[in-house]
Amino acid sequence: MQRTGCWSHITRVLLTYDQIRTYALPAAEGKQGDPRWPAFADRYGFDPAEPVQWEVEALEPEELQRLVLAAVEPYVDREVLAAQLAREQRQRRALSGFLGGWDASGAGPG
């Protein structure tokens, strides 16, 4: 953020406790000394002496994609995106037409 100056704030895509329970995500050994762990453990009924953690990557890819897209959606300019997608489609057609003139041996047109 500071390096590029292009963002005014950061939106974190976090794994919630409800998702952990809903998807029965496996726990991994937590980081000893994490200052946030005792409060989390007290809040959700875990042993404060045995920290555990869950990784967002443990979600199904489709769910992770849904979370990321939901976080990004408010910042997408649909007109700019549509124009860019149309430009890319034109470029793909032009490239396909160009490559269509080449044979398997690599010999070009004429």
PDB file of N, CA and C in Angstrom:
ATOM      1  N   MET A   1       0.832  -1.177   0.000  1.00  0.00           N
ATOM      2  CA  MET A   1       0.000   0.000   0.000  1.00  0.00           C
ATOM      3  C   MET A   1       0.878   1.242   0.000  1.00  0.00           C
ATOM      4  N   GLN A   2       1.827   1.291   0.905  1.00  0.00           N
ATOM      5  CA  GLN A   2       2.687   2.455   0.985  1.00  0.00           C
ATOM      6  C   GLN A   2       3.618   2.533  -0.231  1.00  0.00           C
ATOM      7  N   ARG A   3       4.064   1.384  -0.710  1.00  0.00           N
ATOM      8  CA  ARG A   3       5.018   1.349  -1.810  1.00  0.00           C
ATOM      9  C   ARG A   3       4.426   1.908  -3.091  1.00  0.00           C
ATOM     10  N   THR A   4       3.185   1.531  -3.407  1.00  0.00           N
ATOM     11  CA  THR A   4       2.585   1.960  -4.666  1.00  0.00           C
ATOM     12  C   THR A   4       1.665   3.154  -4.523  1.00  0.00           C
ATOM     13  N   GLY A   5       1.109   3.343  -3.349  1.00  0.00           N
ATOM     14  CA  GLY A   5       0.187   4.440  -3.131  1.00  0.00           C
ATOM     15  C   GLY A   5      -1.133   4.292  -3.864  1.00  0.00           C
ATOM     16  N   CYS A   6      -1.444   3.076  -4.313  1.00  0.00           N
ATOM     17  CA  CYS A   6      -2.651   2.902  -5.120  1.00  0.00           C
ATOM     18  C   CYS A   6      -3.849   2.409  -4.325  1.00  0.00           C
ATOM     19  N   TRP A   7      -3.686   2.091  -3.068  1.00  0.00           N
ATOM     20  CA  TRP A   7      -4.800   1.578  -2.274  1.00  0.00           C
ATOM     21  C   TRP A   7      -5.049   2.502  -1.101  1.00  0.00           C
ATOM     22  N   SER A   8      -6.314   2.730  -0.807  1.00  0.00           N
ATOM     23  CA  SER A   8      -6.632   3.564   0.344  1.00  0.00           C
ATOM     24  C   SER A   8      -6.876   2.722   1.593  1.00  0.00           C
ATOM     25  N   HIS A   9      -7.178   1.444   1.402  1.00  0.00           N
ATOM     26  CA  HIS A   9      -7.367   0.546   2.541  1.00  0.00           C
ATOM     27  C   HIS A   9      -7.219  -0.901   2.072  1.00  0.00           C
ATOM     28  N   ILE A  10      -7.130  -1.792   3.032  1.00  0.00           N
ATOM     29  CA  ILE A  10      -6.977  -3.218   2.741  1.00  0.00           C
ATOM     30  C   ILE A  10      -8.202  -3.948   3.257  1.00  0.00           C
ATOM     31  N   THR A  11      -8.771  -4.822   2.433  1.00  0.00           N
ATOM     32  CA  THR A  11      -9.878  -5.672   2.861  1.00  0.00           C
ATOM     33  C   THR A  11      -9.318  -7.072   3.050  1.00  0.00           C
ATOM     34  N   ARG A  12      -9.388  -7.570   4.254  1.00  0.00           N
ATOM     35  CA  ARG A  12      -8.870  -8.905   4.527  1.00  0.00           C
ATOM     36  C   ARG A  12      -9.936  -9.943   4.200  1.00  0.00           C
ATOM     37  N   VAL A  13      -9.502 -11.017   3.581  1.00  0.00           N
ATOM     38  CA  VAL A  13     -10.377 -12.160   3.333  1.00  0.00           C
ATOM     39  C   VAL A  13      -9.977 -13.196   4.376  1.00  0.00           C
ATOM     40  N   LEU A  14     -10.806 -13.318   5.386  1.00  0.00           N
ATOM     41  CA  LEU A  14     -10.463 -14.159   6.524  1.00  0.00           C
ATOM     42  C   LEU A  14     -11.313 -15.414   6.576  1.00  0.00           C
ATOM     43  N   LEU A  15     -10.772 -16.391   7.223  1.00  0.00           N
ATOM     44  CA  LEU A  15     -11.494 -17.617   7.516  1.00  0.00           C
ATOM     45  C   LEU A  15     -12.221 -17.404   8.837  1.00  0.00           C
ATOM     46  N   THR A  16     -13.523 -17.614   8.851  1.00  0.00           N
ATOM     47  CA  THR A  16     -14.294 -17.405  10.074  1.00  0.00           C
ATOM     48  C   THR A  16     -14.458 -18.717  10.835  1.00  0.00           C
ATOM     49  N   TYR A  17     -14.775 -18.588  12.100  1.00  0.00           N
ATOM     50  CA  TYR A  17     -15.008 -19.773  12.914  1.00  0.00           C
ATOM     51  C   TYR A  17     -16.210 -20.557  12.384  1.00  0.00           C
ATOM     52  N   ASP A  18     -17.233 -19.860  11.909  1.00  0.00           N
ATOM     53  CA  ASP A  18     -18.393 -20.552  11.320  1.00  0.00           C
ATOM     54  C   ASP A  18     -17.977 -21.395  10.115  1.00  0.00           C
ATOM     55  N   GLN A  19     -17.075 -20.884   9.286  1.00  0.00           N
ATOM     56  CA  GLN A  19     -16.598 -21.659   8.135  1.00  0.00           C
ATOM     57  C   GLN A  19     -15.805 -22.878   8.601  1.00  0.00           C
ATOM     58  N   ILE A  20     -15.011 -22.707   9.630  1.00  0.00           N
ATOM     59  CA  ILE A  20     -14.241 -23.827  10.175  1.00  0.00           C
ATOM     60  C   ILE A  20     -15.191 -24.946  10.576  1.00  0.00           C
ATOM     61  N   ARG A  21     -16.267 -24.575  11.256  1.00  0.00           N
ATOM     62  CA  ARG A  21     -17.246 -25.569  11.707  1.00  0.00           C
ATOM     63  C   ARG A  21     -18.059 -26.118  10.535  1.00  0.00           C
ATOM     64  N   THR A  22     -18.546 -25.248   9.660  1.00  0.00           N
ATOM     65  CA  THR A  22     -19.385 -25.673   8.537  1.00  0.00           C
ATOM     66  C   THR A  22     -18.660 -26.661   7.636  1.00  0.00           C
ATOM     67  N   TYR A  23     -17.401 -26.378   7.330  1.00  0.00           N
ATOM     68  CA  TYR A  23     -16.642 -27.216   6.398  1.00  0.00           C
ATOM     69  C   TYR A  23     -15.792 -28.267   7.105  1.00  0.00           C
ATOM     70  N   ALA A  24     -15.879 -28.327   8.427  1.00  0.00           N
ATOM     71  CA  ALA A  24     -15.097 -29.291   9.217  1.00  0.00           C
ATOM     72  C   ALA A  24     -13.623 -29.260   8.801  1.00  0.00           C
ATOM     73  N   LEU A  25     -13.058 -28.061   8.783  1.00  0.00           N
ATOM     74  CA  LEU A  25     -11.674 -27.899   8.341  1.00  0.00           C
ATOM     75  C   LEU A  25     -10.712 -28.457   9.383  1.00  0.00           C
ATOM     76  N   PRO A  26      -9.639 -29.096   8.921  1.00  0.00           N
ATOM     77  CA  PRO A  26      -8.673 -29.669   9.857  1.00  0.00           C
ATOM     78  C   PRO A  26      -7.846 -28.572  10.527  1.00  0.00           C
ATOM     79  N   ALA A  27      -7.567 -28.772  11.784  1.00  0.00           N
ATOM     80  CA  ALA A  27      -6.733 -27.826  12.527  1.00  0.00           C
ATOM     81  C   ALA A  27      -5.272 -28.229  12.396  1.00  0.00           C
ATOM     82  N   ALA A  28      -4.420 -27.237  12.406  1.00  0.00           N
ATOM     83  CA  ALA A  28      -2.974 -27.463  12.424  1.00  0.00           C
ATOM     84  C   ALA A  28      -2.440 -26.896  13.738  1.00  0.00           C
ATOM     85  N   GLU A  29      -1.265 -27.332  14.107  1.00  0.00           N
ATOM     86  CA  GLU A  29      -0.664 -26.819  15.335  1.00  0.00           C
ATOM     87  C   GLU A  29      -0.457 -25.318  15.197  1.00  0.00           C
ATOM     88  N   GLY A  30      -0.897 -24.584  16.199  1.00  0.00           N
ATOM     89  CA  GLY A  30      -0.772 -23.127  16.179  1.00  0.00           C
ATOM     90  C   GLY A  30       0.607 -22.667  16.584  1.00  0.00           C
ATOM     91  N   LYS A  31       0.820 -21.378  16.458  1.00  0.00           N
ATOM     92  CA  LYS A  31       2.104 -20.782  16.797  1.00  0.00           C
ATOM     93  C   LYS A  31       2.164 -20.508  18.295  1.00  0.00           C
ATOM     94  N   GLN A  32       3.128 -21.111  18.945  1.00  0.00           N
ATOM     95  CA  GLN A  32       3.332 -20.845  20.371  1.00  0.00           C
ATOM     96  C   GLN A  32       3.684 -19.370  20.532  1.00  0.00           C
ATOM     97  N   GLY A  33       3.092 -18.739  21.512  1.00  0.00           N
ATOM     98  CA  GLY A  33       3.401 -17.341  21.774  1.00  0.00           C
ATOM     99  C   GLY A  33       2.574 -16.352  20.979  1.00  0.00           C
ATOM    100  N   ASP A  34       1.621 -16.827  20.177  1.00  0.00           N
ATOM    101  CA  ASP A  34       0.756 -15.905  19.437  1.00  0.00           C
ATOM    102  C   ASP A  34      -0.079 -15.137  20.458  1.00  0.00           C
ATOM    103  N   PRO A  35       0.076 -13.825  20.539  1.00  0.00           N
ATOM    104  CA  PRO A  35      -0.626 -13.065  21.571  1.00  0.00           C
ATOM    105  C   PRO A  35      -2.147 -13.046  21.393  1.00  0.00           C
ATOM    106  N   ARG A  36      -2.632 -13.400  20.217  1.00  0.00           N
ATOM    107  CA  ARG A  36      -4.080 -13.400  19.972  1.00  0.00           C
ATOM    108  C   ARG A  36      -4.743 -14.698  20.411  1.00  0.00           C
ATOM    109  N   TRP A  37      -3.959 -15.758  20.551  1.00  0.00           N
ATOM    110  CA  TRP A  37      -4.531 -17.071  20.825  1.00  0.00           C
ATOM    111  C   TRP A  37      -5.333 -17.147  22.127  1.00  0.00           C
ATOM    112  N   PRO A  38      -4.836 -16.671  23.262  1.00  0.00           N
ATOM    113  CA  PRO A  38      -5.604 -16.831  24.504  1.00  0.00           C
ATOM    114  C   PRO A  38      -7.023 -16.260  24.423  1.00  0.00           C
ATOM    115  N   ALA A  39      -7.186 -15.089  23.838  1.00  0.00           N
ATOM    116  CA  ALA A  39      -8.529 -14.491  23.726  1.00  0.00           C
ATOM    117  C   ALA A  39      -9.411 -15.324  22.808  1.00  0.00           C
ATOM    118  N   PHE A  40      -8.846 -15.810  21.692  1.00  0.00           N
ATOM    119  CA  PHE A  40      -9.610 -16.650  20.768  1.00  0.00           C
ATOM    120  C   PHE A  40     -10.014 -17.947  21.461  1.00  0.00           C
ATOM    121  N   ALA A  41      -9.070 -18.548  22.170  1.00  0.00           N
ATOM    122  CA  ALA A  41      -9.339 -19.809  22.870  1.00  0.00           C
ATOM    123  C   ALA A  41     -10.445 -19.627  23.902  1.00  0.00           C
ATOM    124  N   ASP A  42     -10.379 -18.552  24.658  1.00  0.00           N
ATOM    125  CA  ASP A  42     -11.429 -18.282  25.649  1.00  0.00           C
ATOM    126  C   ASP A  42     -12.784 -18.074  24.975  1.00  0.00           C
ATOM    127  N   ARG A  43     -12.775 -17.346  23.898  1.00  0.00           N
ATOM    128  CA  ARG A  43     -14.036 -17.029  23.207  1.00  0.00           C
ATOM    129  C   ARG A  43     -14.717 -18.264  22.650  1.00  0.00           C
ATOM    130  N   TYR A  44     -13.929 -19.202  22.102  1.00  0.00           N
ATOM    131  CA  TYR A  44     -14.511 -20.359  21.413  1.00  0.00           C
ATOM    132  C   TYR A  44     -14.326 -21.683  22.148  1.00  0.00           C
ATOM    133  N   GLY A  45     -13.837 -21.638  23.370  1.00  0.00           N
ATOM    134  CA  GLY A  45     -13.764 -22.846  24.178  1.00  0.00           C
ATOM    135  C   GLY A  45     -12.607 -23.777  23.863  1.00  0.00           C
ATOM    136  N   PHE A  46     -11.479 -23.234  23.428  1.00  0.00           N
ATOM    137  CA  PHE A  46     -10.290 -24.045  23.175  1.00  0.00           C
ATOM    138  C   PHE A  46      -9.351 -23.973  24.368  1.00  0.00           C
ATOM    139  N   ASP A  47      -8.400 -24.883  24.406  1.00  0.00           N
ATOM    140  CA  ASP A  47      -7.403 -24.907  25.467  1.00  0.00           C
ATOM    141  C   ASP A  47      -6.367 -23.816  25.188  1.00  0.00           C
ATOM    142  N   PRO A  48      -6.252 -22.822  26.044  1.00  0.00           N
ATOM    143  CA  PRO A  48      -5.280 -21.751  25.802  1.00  0.00           C
ATOM    144  C   PRO A  48      -3.834 -22.244  25.743  1.00  0.00           C
ATOM    145  N   ALA A  49      -3.560 -23.400  26.349  1.00  0.00           N
ATOM    146  CA  ALA A  49      -2.196 -23.940  26.358  1.00  0.00           C
ATOM    147  C   ALA A  49      -1.856 -24.693  25.075  1.00  0.00           C
ATOM    148  N   GLU A  50      -2.848 -24.988  24.248  1.00  0.00           N
ATOM    149  CA  GLU A  50      -2.634 -25.768  23.018  1.00  0.00           C
ATOM    150  C   GLU A  50      -3.136 -24.989  21.800  1.00  0.00           C
ATOM    151  N   PRO A  51      -2.345 -24.042  21.302  1.00  0.00           N
ATOM    152  CA  PRO A  51      -2.823 -23.249  20.167  1.00  0.00           C
ATOM    153  C   PRO A  51      -2.985 -24.091  18.894  1.00  0.00           C
ATOM    154  N   VAL A  52      -4.050 -23.825  18.191  1.00  0.00           N
ATOM    155  CA  VAL A  52      -4.296 -24.444  16.886  1.00  0.00           C
ATOM    156  C   VAL A  52      -4.630 -23.329  15.901  1.00  0.00           C
ATOM    157  N   GLN A  53      -4.539 -23.649  14.628  1.00  0.00           N
ATOM    158  CA  GLN A  53      -4.878 -22.673  13.597  1.00  0.00           C
ATOM    159  C   GLN A  53      -5.461 -23.391  12.398  1.00  0.00           C
ATOM    160  N   TRP A  54      -6.142 -22.640  11.568  1.00  0.00           N
ATOM    161  CA  TRP A  54      -6.733 -23.162  10.345  1.00  0.00           C
ATOM    162  C   TRP A  54      -6.290 -22.266   9.207  1.00  0.00           C
ATOM    163  N   GLU A  55      -6.076 -22.871   8.070  1.00  0.00           N
ATOM    164  CA  GLU A  55      -5.620 -22.122   6.904  1.00  0.00           C
ATOM    165  C   GLU A  55      -6.769 -21.940   5.923  1.00  0.00           C
ATOM    166  N   VAL A  56      -6.888 -20.742   5.367  1.00  0.00           N
ATOM    167  CA  VAL A  56      -7.952 -20.460   4.404  1.00  0.00           C
ATOM    168  C   VAL A  56      -7.808 -21.364   3.172  1.00  0.00           C
ATOM    169  N   GLU A  57      -6.588 -21.802   2.891  1.00  0.00           N
ATOM    170  CA  GLU A  57      -6.351 -22.682   1.748  1.00  0.00           C
ATOM    171  C   GLU A  57      -7.006 -24.047   1.924  1.00  0.00           C
ATOM    172  N   ALA A  58      -7.446 -24.373   3.139  1.00  0.00           N
ATOM    173  CA  ALA A  58      -8.116 -25.651   3.380  1.00  0.00           C
ATOM    174  C   ALA A  58      -9.547 -25.649   2.855  1.00  0.00           C
ATOM    175  N   LEU A  59     -10.073 -24.474   2.535  1.00  0.00           N
ATOM    176  CA  LEU A  59     -11.416 -24.409   1.948  1.00  0.00           C
ATOM    177  C   LEU A  59     -11.407 -25.039   0.562  1.00  0.00           C
ATOM    178  N   GLU A  60     -12.564 -25.489   0.126  1.00  0.00           N
ATOM    179  CA  GLU A  60     -12.692 -25.956  -1.254  1.00  0.00           C
ATOM    180  C   GLU A  60     -12.346 -24.786  -2.178  1.00  0.00           C
ATOM    181  N   PRO A  61     -11.679 -25.038  -3.290  1.00  0.00           N
ATOM    182  CA  PRO A  61     -11.291 -23.948  -4.191  1.00  0.00           C
ATOM    183  C   PRO A  61     -12.465 -23.057  -4.607  1.00  0.00           C
ATOM    184  N   GLU A  62     -13.625 -23.650  -4.813  1.00  0.00           N
ATOM    185  CA  GLU A  62     -14.779 -22.855  -5.233  1.00  0.00           C
ATOM    186  C   GLU A  62     -15.202 -21.878  -4.140  1.00  0.00           C
ATOM    187  N   GLU A  63     -15.139 -22.315  -2.893  1.00  0.00           N
ATOM    188  CA  GLU A  63     -15.517 -21.436  -1.780  1.00  0.00           C
ATOM    189  C   GLU A  63     -14.486 -20.335  -1.595  1.00  0.00           C
ATOM    190  N   LEU A  64     -13.227 -20.670  -1.720  1.00  0.00           N
ATOM    191  CA  LEU A  64     -12.175 -19.663  -1.612  1.00  0.00           C
ATOM    192  C   LEU A  64     -12.326 -18.636  -2.732  1.00  0.00           C
ATOM    193  N   GLN A  65     -12.599 -19.106  -3.940  1.00  0.00           N
ATOM    194  CA  GLN A  65     -12.813 -18.192  -5.067  1.00  0.00           C
ATOM    195  C   GLN A  65     -14.013 -17.287  -4.798  1.00  0.00           C
ATOM    196  N   ARG A  66     -15.086 -17.842  -4.251  1.00  0.00           N
ATOM    197  CA  ARG A  66     -16.277 -17.049  -3.957  1.00  0.00           C
ATOM    198  C   ARG A  66     -15.948 -15.938  -2.953  1.00  0.00           C
ATOM    199  N   LEU A  67     -15.175 -16.269  -1.920  1.00  0.00           N
ATOM    200  CA  LEU A  67     -14.804 -15.282  -0.912  1.00  0.00           C
ATOM    201  C   LEU A  67     -13.963 -14.154  -1.507  1.00  0.00           C
ATOM    202  N   VAL A  68     -12.987 -14.528  -2.327  1.00  0.00           N
ATOM    203  CA  VAL A  68     -12.116 -13.522  -2.929  1.00  0.00           C
ATOM    204  C   VAL A  68     -12.908 -12.637  -3.888  1.00  0.00           C
ATOM    205  N   LEU A  69     -13.736 -13.250  -4.730  1.00  0.00           N
ATOM    206  CA  LEU A  69     -14.532 -12.452  -5.669  1.00  0.00           C
ATOM    207  C   LEU A  69     -15.497 -11.524  -4.941  1.00  0.00           C
ATOM    208  N   ALA A  70     -16.077 -11.983  -3.852  1.00  0.00           N
ATOM    209  CA  ALA A  70     -16.981 -11.130  -3.074  1.00  0.00           C
ATOM    210  C   ALA A  70     -16.232  -9.935  -2.481  1.00  0.00           C
ATOM    211  N   ALA A  71     -14.980 -10.139  -2.089  1.00  0.00           N
ATOM    212  CA  ALA A  71     -14.186  -9.047  -1.530  1.00  0.00           C
ATOM    213  C   ALA A  71     -13.759  -8.047  -2.603  1.00  0.00           C
ATOM    214  N   VAL A  72     -13.533  -8.531  -3.820  1.00  0.00           N
ATOM    215  CA  VAL A  72     -13.050  -7.686  -4.911  1.00  0.00           C
ATOM    216  C   VAL A  72     -14.196  -6.975  -5.641  1.00  0.00           C
ATOM    217  N   GLU A  73     -15.343  -7.603  -5.696  1.00  0.00           N
ATOM    218  CA  GLU A  73     -16.485  -7.117  -6.484  1.00  0.00           C
ATOM    219  C   GLU A  73     -16.792  -5.628  -6.325  1.00  0.00           C
ATOM    220  N   PRO A  74     -16.810  -5.089  -5.117  1.00  0.00           N
ATOM    221  CA  PRO A  74     -17.155  -3.668  -4.989  1.00  0.00           C
ATOM    222  C   PRO A  74     -16.183  -2.721  -5.694  1.00  0.00           C
ATOM    223  N   TYR A  75     -14.999  -3.204  -6.033  1.00  0.00           N
ATOM    224  CA  TYR A  75     -13.974  -2.349  -6.625  1.00  0.00           C
ATOM    225  C   TYR A  75     -13.832  -2.529  -8.131  1.00  0.00           C
ATOM    226  N   VAL A  76     -14.636  -3.410  -8.718  1.00  0.00           N
ATOM    227  CA  VAL A  76     -14.529  -3.698 -10.145  1.00  0.00           C
ATOM    228  C   VAL A  76     -15.387  -2.709 -10.927  1.00  0.00           C
ATOM    229  N   ASP A  77     -14.758  -2.009 -11.851  1.00  0.00           N
ATOM    230  CA  ASP A  77     -15.486  -1.124 -12.762  1.00  0.00           C
ATOM    231  C   ASP A  77     -15.942  -1.989 -13.928  1.00  0.00           C
ATOM    232  N   ARG A  78     -17.218  -2.300 -13.979  1.00  0.00           N
ATOM    233  CA  ARG A  78     -17.760  -3.235 -14.969  1.00  0.00           C
ATOM    234  C   ARG A  78     -17.554  -2.754 -16.403  1.00  0.00           C
ATOM    235  N   GLU A  79     -17.648  -1.469 -16.644  1.00  0.00           N
ATOM    236  CA  GLU A  79     -17.445  -0.950 -18.005  1.00  0.00           C
ATOM    237  C   GLU A  79     -16.004  -1.145 -18.448  1.00  0.00           C
ATOM    238  N   VAL A  80     -15.077  -0.848 -17.581  1.00  0.00           N
ATOM    239  CA  VAL A  80     -13.657  -1.030 -17.905  1.00  0.00           C
ATOM    240  C   VAL A  80     -13.358  -2.510 -18.110  1.00  0.00           C
ATOM    241  N   LEU A  81     -13.900  -3.368 -17.254  1.00  0.00           N
ATOM    242  CA  LEU A  81     -13.689  -4.808 -17.388  1.00  0.00           C
ATOM    243  C   LEU A  81     -14.254  -5.322 -18.708  1.00  0.00           C
ATOM    244  N   ALA A  82     -15.469  -4.904 -19.056  1.00  0.00           N
ATOM    245  CA  ALA A  82     -16.086  -5.354 -20.308  1.00  0.00           C
ATOM    246  C   ALA A  82     -15.261  -4.910 -21.511  1.00  0.00           C
ATOM    247  N   ALA A  83     -14.767  -3.679 -21.481  1.00  0.00           N
ATOM    248  CA  ALA A  83     -13.941  -3.186 -22.587  1.00  0.00           C
ATOM    249  C   ALA A  83     -12.648  -3.990 -22.697  1.00  0.00           C
ATOM    250  N   GLN A  84     -12.031  -4.301 -21.567  1.00  0.00           N
ATOM    251  CA  GLN A  84     -10.792  -5.078 -21.580  1.00  0.00           C
ATOM    252  C   GLN A  84     -11.032  -6.493 -22.091  1.00  0.00           C
ATOM    253  N   LEU A  85     -12.110  -7.127 -21.656  1.00  0.00           N
ATOM    254  CA  LEU A  85     -12.425  -8.480 -22.127  1.00  0.00           C
ATOM    255  C   LEU A  85     -12.695  -8.489 -23.629  1.00  0.00           C
ATOM    256  N   ALA A  86     -13.383  -7.472 -24.128  1.00  0.00           N
ATOM    257  CA  ALA A  86     -13.641  -7.376 -25.570  1.00  0.00           C
ATOM    258  C   ALA A  86     -12.325  -7.196 -26.335  1.00  0.00           C
ATOM    259  N   ARG A  87     -11.432  -6.362 -25.814  1.00  0.00           N
ATOM    260  CA  ARG A  87     -10.128  -6.146 -26.449  1.00  0.00           C
ATOM    261  C   ARG A  87      -9.340  -7.454 -26.496  1.00  0.00           C
ATOM    262  N   GLU A  88      -9.348  -8.200 -25.404  1.00  0.00           N
ATOM    263  CA  GLU A  88      -8.635  -9.477 -25.375  1.00  0.00           C
ATOM    264  C   GLU A  88      -9.236 -10.474 -26.354  1.00  0.00           C
ATOM    265  N   GLN A  89     -10.542 -10.486 -26.487  1.00  0.00           N
ATOM    266  CA  GLN A  89     -11.197 -11.386 -27.446  1.00  0.00           C
ATOM    267  C   GLN A  89     -10.778 -11.036 -28.871  1.00  0.00           C
ATOM    268  N   ARG A  90     -10.722  -9.744 -29.195  1.00  0.00           N
ATOM    269  CA  ARG A  90     -10.271  -9.329 -30.533  1.00  0.00           C
ATOM    270  C   ARG A  90      -8.828  -9.767 -30.771  1.00  0.00           C
ATOM    271  N   GLN A  91      -7.995  -9.625 -29.767  1.00  0.00           N
ATOM    272  CA  GLN A  91      -6.598 -10.036 -29.899  1.00  0.00           C
ATOM    273  C   GLN A  91      -6.481 -11.542 -30.102  1.00  0.00           C
ATOM    274  N   ARG A  92      -7.292 -12.328 -29.390  1.00  0.00           N
ATOM    275  CA  ARG A  92      -7.267 -13.785 -29.571  1.00  0.00           C
ATOM    276  C   ARG A  92      -7.693 -14.165 -30.986  1.00  0.00           C
ATOM    277  N   ARG A  93      -8.734 -13.506 -31.496  1.00  0.00           N
ATOM    278  CA  ARG A  93      -9.184 -13.808 -32.866  1.00  0.00           C
ATOM    279  C   ARG A  93      -8.100 -13.456 -33.879  1.00  0.00           C
ATOM    280  N   ALA A  94      -7.455 -12.308 -33.708  1.00  0.00           N
ATOM    281  CA  ALA A  94      -6.390 -11.902 -34.626  1.00  0.00           C
ATOM    282  C   ALA A  94      -5.228 -12.888 -34.569  1.00  0.00           C
ATOM    283  N   LEU A  95      -4.844 -13.300 -33.394  1.00  0.00           N
ATOM    284  CA  LEU A  95      -3.749 -14.257 -33.244  1.00  0.00           C
ATOM    285  C   LEU A  95      -4.118 -15.602 -33.842  1.00  0.00           C
ATOM    286  N   SER A  96      -5.347 -16.036 -33.608  1.00  0.00           N
ATOM    287  CA  SER A  96      -5.807 -17.305 -34.171  1.00  0.00           C
ATOM    288  C   SER A  96      -5.789 -17.254 -35.696  1.00  0.00           C
ATOM    289  N   GLY A  97      -6.237 -16.142 -36.263  1.00  0.00           N
ATOM    290  CA  GLY A  97      -6.213 -15.988 -37.716  1.00  0.00           C
ATOM    291  C   GLY A  97      -4.793 -16.010 -38.260  1.00  0.00           C
ATOM    292  N   PHE A  98      -3.884 -15.362 -37.568  1.00  0.00           N
ATOM    293  CA  PHE A  98      -2.486 -15.344 -37.980  1.00  0.00           C
ATOM    294  C   PHE A  98      -1.890 -16.740 -37.926  1.00  0.00           C
ATOM    295  N   LEU A  99      -2.128 -17.451 -36.825  1.00  0.00           N
ATOM    296  CA  LEU A  99      -1.573 -18.793 -36.670  1.00  0.00           C
ATOM    297  C   LEU A  99      -2.200 -19.782 -37.637  1.00  0.00           C
ATOM    298  N   GLY A 100      -3.421 -19.519 -38.069  1.00  0.00           N
ATOM    299  CA  GLY A 100      -4.096 -20.411 -39.009  1.00  0.00           C
ATOM    300  C   GLY A 100      -3.376 -20.511 -40.346  1.00  0.00           C
ATOM    301  N   GLY A 101      -2.542 -19.536 -40.666  1.00  0.00           N
ATOM    302  CA  GLY A 101      -1.798 -19.556 -41.919  1.00  0.00           C
ATOM    303  C   GLY A 101      -0.508 -20.357 -41.852  1.00  0.00           C
ATOM    304  N   TRP A 102      -0.182 -20.895 -40.700  1.00  0.00           N
ATOM    305  CA  TRP A 102       1.051 -21.656 -40.537  1.00  0.00           C
ATOM    306  C   TRP A 102       0.720 -23.140 -40.517  1.00  0.00           C
ATOM    307  N   ASP A 103       1.599 -23.951 -41.125  1.00  0.00           N
ATOM    308  CA  ASP A 103       1.340 -25.393 -41.090  1.00  0.00           C
ATOM    309  C   ASP A 103       2.129 -26.042 -39.951  1.00  0.00           C
ATOM    310  N   ALA A 104       1.963 -27.352 -39.793  1.00  0.00           N
ATOM    311  CA  ALA A 104       2.570 -28.082 -38.681  1.00  0.00           C
ATOM    312  C   ALA A 104       4.094 -28.029 -38.706  1.00  0.00           C
ATOM    313  N   SER A 105       4.692 -27.860 -39.873  1.00  0.00           N
ATOM    314  CA  SER A 105       6.155 -27.822 -39.962  1.00  0.00           C
ATOM    315  C   SER A 105       6.710 -26.459 -39.567  1.00  0.00           C
ATOM    316  N   GLY A 106       5.837 -25.493 -39.395  1.00  0.00           N
ATOM    317  CA  GLY A 106       6.284 -24.157 -39.037  1.00  0.00           C
ATOM    318  C   GLY A 106       6.443 -23.247 -40.236  1.00  0.00           C
ATOM    319  N   ALA A 107       6.090 -23.769 -41.399  1.00  0.00           N
ATOM    320  CA  ALA A 107       6.183 -22.944 -42.605  1.00  0.00           C
ATOM    321  C   ALA A 107       5.025 -21.956 -42.632  1.00  0.00           C
ATOM    322  N   GLY A 108       5.360 -20.701 -42.822  1.00  0.00           N
ATOM    323  CA  GLY A 108       4.344 -19.656 -42.828  1.00  0.00           C
ATOM    324  C   GLY A 108       3.656 -19.540 -44.174  1.00  0.00           C
ATOM    325  N   PRO A 109       2.764 -18.604 -44.267  1.00  0.00           N
ATOM    326  CA  PRO A 109       2.024 -18.391 -45.512  1.00  0.00           C
ATOM    327  C   PRO A 109       2.976 -18.030 -46.654  1.00  0.00           C
ATOM    328  N   GLY A 110       2.634 -18.551 -47.809  1.00  0.00           N
ATOM    329  CA  GLY A 110       3.254 -18.199 -49.075  1.00  0.00           C
ATOM    330  C   GLY A 110       4.688 -18.342 -49.119  1.00  0.00           C
TER     331      GLY A 110
END
